[in-house]
Amino acid sequence: MKHRPNTLILLALLAVGGAAHADTLLVERAQQTANVAQPARGLSMGEVEARFGAPQEKLDPRGGQKRQWPTINRWVYPDFIVYFEKNKVIDVVARQATAQEVGPKPPIR
């Protein structure tokens, strides 16, 4: 009976360690690939396409219903998604690479 709590603790630690080891966090991949070129904030759509080529997909614009809600365009590339306000880059977000990777969900279409 004395060894049972220690055994349960050991099994719990092994289970947690195994699960954590199997998953790759998107943040970890982003840190490893920090040197990969991405569009800089403020670039125009034309500059992004000239430097990075045509996107895999141009998602439908969102917003724009009111003047204070600008239209946001999203371009999908293999490693990242570029967000534009009007014609300028406002953000770049890394994409989830595999089903085992823990990160943001795919973009809403």
N, C-alpha and C. Protein backbone atom coordinates (compact mmCIF):
# COMPACT_ATOMS: atom_id res chain seq x y z
N MET A 1 0.81 -1.19 0.00
CA MET A 1 0.00 0.00 0.00
C MET A 1 0.85 1.26 0.00
N LYS A 2 2.02 1.18 0.59
CA LYS A 2 2.87 2.35 0.71
C LYS A 2 3.39 2.80 -0.66
N HIS A 3 3.59 1.88 -1.58
CA HIS A 3 4.16 2.19 -2.89
C HIS A 3 3.11 2.66 -3.90
N ARG A 4 1.86 2.46 -3.61
CA ARG A 4 0.81 2.79 -4.57
C ARG A 4 0.76 4.28 -4.92
N PRO A 5 0.79 5.23 -3.97
CA PRO A 5 0.77 6.65 -4.35
C PRO A 5 1.97 7.04 -5.22
N ASN A 6 3.14 6.50 -4.93
CA ASN A 6 4.31 6.80 -5.75
C ASN A 6 4.15 6.27 -7.16
N THR A 7 3.56 5.11 -7.31
CA THR A 7 3.33 4.52 -8.63
C THR A 7 2.35 5.38 -9.42
N LEU A 8 1.29 5.84 -8.77
CA LEU A 8 0.31 6.69 -9.45
C LEU A 8 0.93 8.01 -9.89
N ILE A 9 1.76 8.58 -9.06
CA ILE A 9 2.43 9.83 -9.42
C ILE A 9 3.35 9.61 -10.60
N LEU A 10 4.09 8.52 -10.58
CA LEU A 10 5.01 8.21 -11.69
C LEU A 10 4.24 8.01 -12.98
N LEU A 11 3.15 7.27 -12.93
CA LEU A 11 2.34 7.05 -14.13
C LEU A 11 1.76 8.37 -14.66
N ALA A 12 1.30 9.22 -13.76
CA ALA A 12 0.76 10.52 -14.17
C ALA A 12 1.83 11.37 -14.84
N LEU A 13 3.02 11.38 -14.29
CA LEU A 13 4.12 12.15 -14.88
C LEU A 13 4.51 11.62 -16.26
N LEU A 14 4.52 10.31 -16.40
CA LEU A 14 4.85 9.72 -17.70
C LEU A 14 3.79 10.06 -18.74
N ALA A 15 2.53 10.04 -18.34
CA ALA A 15 1.45 10.37 -19.27
C ALA A 15 1.54 11.82 -19.72
N VAL A 16 1.78 12.72 -18.79
CA VAL A 16 1.90 14.14 -19.12
C VAL A 16 3.13 14.37 -19.98
N GLY A 17 4.24 13.78 -19.64
CA GLY A 17 5.46 13.94 -20.41
C GLY A 17 5.33 13.42 -21.82
N GLY A 18 4.65 12.30 -22.00
CA GLY A 18 4.46 11.73 -23.33
C GLY A 18 3.59 12.61 -24.21
N ALA A 19 2.52 13.16 -23.63
CA ALA A 19 1.63 14.03 -24.40
C ALA A 19 2.34 15.32 -24.78
N ALA A 20 3.10 15.89 -23.88
CA ALA A 20 3.80 17.15 -24.16
C ALA A 20 4.88 16.93 -25.21
N HIS A 21 5.51 15.78 -25.20
CA HIS A 21 6.58 15.50 -26.15
C HIS A 21 6.04 15.29 -27.56
N ALA A 22 4.83 14.77 -27.70
CA ALA A 22 4.27 14.46 -29.00
C ALA A 22 3.83 15.71 -29.76
N ASP A 23 3.39 16.74 -29.04
CA ASP A 23 2.89 17.95 -29.68
C ASP A 23 4.02 18.94 -29.94
N THR A 24 3.89 19.68 -31.03
CA THR A 24 4.80 20.78 -31.32
C THR A 24 3.97 22.05 -31.25
N LEU A 25 4.42 22.99 -30.48
CA LEU A 25 3.71 24.26 -30.41
C LEU A 25 4.07 25.12 -31.61
N LEU A 26 3.09 25.81 -32.14
CA LEU A 26 3.32 26.73 -33.25
C LEU A 26 4.35 27.77 -32.87
N VAL A 27 4.33 28.20 -31.62
CA VAL A 27 5.29 29.19 -31.14
C VAL A 27 6.71 28.66 -31.26
N GLU A 28 6.92 27.39 -30.93
CA GLU A 28 8.25 26.79 -31.04
C GLU A 28 8.73 26.78 -32.49
N ARG A 29 7.83 26.40 -33.41
CA ARG A 29 8.21 26.40 -34.84
C ARG A 29 8.50 27.81 -35.31
N ALA A 30 7.71 28.77 -34.86
CA ALA A 30 7.93 30.17 -35.26
C ALA A 30 9.28 30.67 -34.76
N GLN A 31 9.67 30.27 -33.56
CA GLN A 31 10.98 30.67 -33.04
C GLN A 31 12.11 30.02 -33.82
N GLN A 32 11.93 28.77 -34.24
CA GLN A 32 12.95 28.06 -34.99
C GLN A 32 13.11 28.65 -36.39
N THR A 33 12.04 29.16 -36.95
CA THR A 33 12.07 29.69 -38.31
C THR A 33 11.97 31.21 -38.32
N ALA A 34 12.51 31.85 -37.29
CA ALA A 34 12.41 33.31 -37.18
C ALA A 34 13.12 34.02 -38.33
N ASN A 35 14.06 33.36 -38.96
CA ASN A 35 14.81 33.99 -40.05
C ASN A 35 14.12 33.87 -41.40
N VAL A 36 12.98 33.18 -41.46
CA VAL A 36 12.24 33.04 -42.71
C VAL A 36 11.64 34.40 -43.06
N ALA A 37 11.81 34.81 -44.29
CA ALA A 37 11.31 36.12 -44.74
C ALA A 37 9.78 36.16 -44.70
N GLN A 38 9.27 37.24 -44.16
CA GLN A 38 7.83 37.50 -44.13
C GLN A 38 7.61 38.96 -44.51
N PRO A 39 6.42 39.28 -45.02
CA PRO A 39 6.13 40.66 -45.36
C PRO A 39 6.19 41.57 -44.13
N ALA A 40 6.73 42.74 -44.29
CA ALA A 40 6.82 43.72 -43.20
C ALA A 40 5.55 44.57 -43.17
N ARG A 41 5.21 45.02 -41.98
CA ARG A 41 4.07 45.90 -41.82
C ARG A 41 4.26 47.15 -42.67
N GLY A 42 3.20 47.55 -43.38
CA GLY A 42 3.25 48.76 -44.19
C GLY A 42 3.50 48.53 -45.67
N LEU A 43 3.92 47.32 -46.05
CA LEU A 43 4.11 47.03 -47.47
C LEU A 43 2.77 47.04 -48.19
N SER A 44 2.78 47.42 -49.45
CA SER A 44 1.54 47.41 -50.23
C SER A 44 1.29 46.00 -50.77
N MET A 45 0.08 45.77 -51.26
CA MET A 45 -0.25 44.46 -51.85
C MET A 45 0.67 44.15 -53.03
N GLY A 46 0.95 45.16 -53.83
CA GLY A 46 1.84 44.97 -54.98
C GLY A 46 3.25 44.58 -54.56
N GLU A 47 3.76 45.23 -53.51
CA GLU A 47 5.10 44.91 -53.02
C GLU A 47 5.17 43.49 -52.46
N VAL A 48 4.11 43.08 -51.74
CA VAL A 48 4.08 41.72 -51.20
C VAL A 48 4.08 40.71 -52.33
N GLU A 49 3.26 40.93 -53.34
CA GLU A 49 3.19 39.98 -54.46
C GLU A 49 4.49 39.97 -55.24
N ALA A 50 5.15 41.11 -55.38
CA ALA A 50 6.43 41.17 -56.10
C ALA A 50 7.52 40.41 -55.35
N ARG A 51 7.54 40.51 -54.02
CA ARG A 51 8.59 39.87 -53.21
C ARG A 51 8.33 38.40 -52.90
N PHE A 52 7.04 38.03 -52.71
CA PHE A 52 6.71 36.69 -52.24
C PHE A 52 5.92 35.87 -53.25
N GLY A 53 5.62 36.46 -54.39
CA GLY A 53 4.86 35.75 -55.41
C GLY A 53 3.37 35.82 -55.14
N ALA A 54 2.62 35.19 -56.03
CA ALA A 54 1.17 35.18 -55.87
C ALA A 54 0.79 34.29 -54.69
N PRO A 55 -0.22 34.69 -53.92
CA PRO A 55 -0.64 33.85 -52.79
C PRO A 55 -1.32 32.58 -53.29
N GLN A 56 -1.35 31.56 -52.43
CA GLN A 56 -2.07 30.33 -52.76
C GLN A 56 -3.56 30.61 -52.89
N GLU A 57 -4.02 31.55 -52.07
CA GLU A 57 -5.44 31.85 -52.05
C GLU A 57 -5.64 33.27 -51.54
N LYS A 58 -6.61 33.96 -52.12
CA LYS A 58 -7.03 35.27 -51.62
C LYS A 58 -8.42 35.06 -51.03
N LEU A 59 -8.50 35.17 -49.70
CA LEU A 59 -9.78 34.95 -49.02
C LEU A 59 -10.70 36.15 -49.21
N ASP A 60 -11.98 35.91 -49.05
CA ASP A 60 -12.96 36.99 -49.18
C ASP A 60 -12.68 38.10 -48.17
N PRO A 61 -12.82 39.37 -48.59
CA PRO A 61 -12.61 40.48 -47.65
C PRO A 61 -13.62 40.45 -46.52
N ARG A 62 -13.22 40.98 -45.37
CA ARG A 62 -14.09 41.08 -44.20
C ARG A 62 -14.15 42.54 -43.77
N GLY A 63 -15.27 42.92 -43.15
CA GLY A 63 -15.42 44.28 -42.66
C GLY A 63 -15.90 45.22 -43.76
N GLY A 64 -15.74 46.53 -43.50
CA GLY A 64 -16.12 47.54 -44.47
C GLY A 64 -17.58 47.95 -44.43
N GLN A 65 -18.35 47.41 -43.48
CA GLN A 65 -19.77 47.76 -43.43
C GLN A 65 -19.98 49.22 -43.00
N LYS A 66 -19.06 49.73 -42.19
CA LYS A 66 -19.12 51.12 -41.76
C LYS A 66 -17.77 51.76 -42.02
N ARG A 67 -17.77 53.08 -42.03
CA ARG A 67 -16.53 53.80 -42.30
C ARG A 67 -15.44 53.47 -41.27
N GLN A 68 -15.83 53.31 -40.00
CA GLN A 68 -14.85 53.03 -38.95
C GLN A 68 -14.42 51.56 -38.92
N TRP A 69 -15.00 50.71 -39.76
CA TRP A 69 -14.61 49.31 -39.88
C TRP A 69 -13.96 49.10 -41.25
N PRO A 70 -12.65 49.22 -41.34
CA PRO A 70 -12.01 49.10 -42.65
C PRO A 70 -12.12 47.67 -43.20
N THR A 71 -12.03 47.57 -44.50
CA THR A 71 -12.03 46.27 -45.15
C THR A 71 -10.69 45.60 -44.91
N ILE A 72 -10.72 44.34 -44.48
CA ILE A 72 -9.51 43.56 -44.23
C ILE A 72 -9.43 42.46 -45.29
N ASN A 73 -8.33 42.45 -46.03
CA ASN A 73 -8.07 41.39 -47.01
C ASN A 73 -7.06 40.42 -46.44
N ARG A 74 -7.19 39.13 -46.79
CA ARG A 74 -6.29 38.10 -46.29
C ARG A 74 -5.76 37.28 -47.44
N TRP A 75 -4.44 37.17 -47.49
CA TRP A 75 -3.79 36.35 -48.50
C TRP A 75 -3.10 35.18 -47.82
N VAL A 76 -3.32 33.99 -48.34
CA VAL A 76 -2.76 32.77 -47.75
C VAL A 76 -1.53 32.33 -48.52
N TYR A 77 -0.41 32.20 -47.82
CA TYR A 77 0.84 31.66 -48.34
C TYR A 77 1.12 30.34 -47.61
N PRO A 78 2.05 29.53 -48.09
CA PRO A 78 2.29 28.23 -47.45
C PRO A 78 2.63 28.31 -45.95
N ASP A 79 3.40 29.31 -45.53
CA ASP A 79 3.85 29.38 -44.15
C ASP A 79 3.17 30.45 -43.31
N PHE A 80 2.42 31.35 -43.94
CA PHE A 80 1.82 32.45 -43.19
C PHE A 80 0.61 33.01 -43.93
N ILE A 81 -0.18 33.80 -43.20
CA ILE A 81 -1.32 34.53 -43.77
C ILE A 81 -1.04 36.01 -43.58
N VAL A 82 -1.20 36.78 -44.64
CA VAL A 82 -0.96 38.22 -44.59
C VAL A 82 -2.31 38.94 -44.51
N TYR A 83 -2.41 39.86 -43.55
CA TYR A 83 -3.63 40.66 -43.37
C TYR A 83 -3.36 42.08 -43.84
N PHE A 84 -4.26 42.59 -44.69
CA PHE A 84 -4.14 43.93 -45.24
C PHE A 84 -5.31 44.78 -44.78
N GLU A 85 -5.04 46.03 -44.41
CA GLU A 85 -6.09 47.02 -44.23
C GLU A 85 -5.99 47.93 -45.43
N LYS A 86 -7.06 47.97 -46.19
CA LYS A 86 -7.04 48.63 -47.49
C LYS A 86 -5.95 47.97 -48.34
N ASN A 87 -4.84 48.65 -48.61
CA ASN A 87 -3.80 48.12 -49.48
C ASN A 87 -2.49 47.84 -48.72
N LYS A 88 -2.46 48.00 -47.40
CA LYS A 88 -1.22 47.89 -46.63
C LYS A 88 -1.24 46.72 -45.66
N VAL A 89 -0.06 46.08 -45.49
CA VAL A 89 0.08 44.98 -44.54
C VAL A 89 -0.08 45.52 -43.12
N ILE A 90 -0.96 44.86 -42.34
CA ILE A 90 -1.10 45.23 -40.93
C ILE A 90 -0.62 44.11 -40.01
N ASP A 91 -0.58 42.86 -40.52
CA ASP A 91 -0.12 41.74 -39.69
C ASP A 91 0.20 40.54 -40.56
N VAL A 92 1.07 39.67 -40.03
CA VAL A 92 1.41 38.40 -40.67
C VAL A 92 1.33 37.35 -39.58
N VAL A 93 0.61 36.25 -39.85
CA VAL A 93 0.41 35.20 -38.85
C VAL A 93 0.88 33.87 -39.42
N ALA A 94 1.67 33.12 -38.64
CA ALA A 94 2.15 31.80 -39.06
C ALA A 94 0.98 30.83 -39.16
N ARG A 95 1.06 29.92 -40.12
CA ARG A 95 0.02 28.91 -40.30
C ARG A 95 0.36 27.64 -39.56
N GLN A 96 -0.66 26.89 -39.19
CA GLN A 96 -0.48 25.59 -38.56
C GLN A 96 0.05 24.63 -39.61
N ALA A 97 1.14 23.92 -39.29
CA ALA A 97 1.79 23.06 -40.27
C ALA A 97 1.21 21.66 -40.34
N THR A 98 0.95 21.05 -39.19
CA THR A 98 0.47 19.67 -39.16
C THR A 98 -0.66 19.53 -38.16
N ALA A 99 -1.34 18.39 -38.21
CA ALA A 99 -2.43 18.14 -37.27
C ALA A 99 -1.92 18.01 -35.85
N GLN A 100 -0.65 17.60 -35.67
CA GLN A 100 -0.08 17.44 -34.33
C GLN A 100 0.38 18.76 -33.73
N GLU A 101 0.48 19.78 -34.54
CA GLU A 101 0.96 21.06 -34.06
C GLU A 101 -0.17 21.83 -33.39
N VAL A 102 0.10 22.39 -32.25
CA VAL A 102 -0.90 23.14 -31.51
C VAL A 102 -0.75 24.61 -31.89
N GLY A 103 -1.77 25.18 -32.44
CA GLY A 103 -1.69 26.57 -32.87
C GLY A 103 -3.06 27.08 -33.29
N PRO A 104 -3.09 28.21 -34.00
CA PRO A 104 -4.39 28.80 -34.38
C PRO A 104 -5.15 27.91 -35.35
N LYS A 105 -6.46 28.05 -35.30
CA LYS A 105 -7.31 27.30 -36.21
C LYS A 105 -7.18 27.88 -37.62
N PRO A 106 -7.54 27.11 -38.66
CA PRO A 106 -7.50 27.64 -40.02
C PRO A 106 -8.39 28.87 -40.14
N PRO A 107 -8.11 29.77 -41.09
CA PRO A 107 -8.91 30.99 -41.22
C PRO A 107 -10.35 30.68 -41.61
N ILE A 108 -11.25 31.52 -41.15
CA ILE A 108 -12.67 31.40 -41.51
C ILE A 108 -12.82 31.88 -42.95
N ARG A 109 -13.47 31.11 -43.73
CA ARG A 109 -13.63 31.45 -45.16
C ARG A 109 -14.90 32.19 -45.42
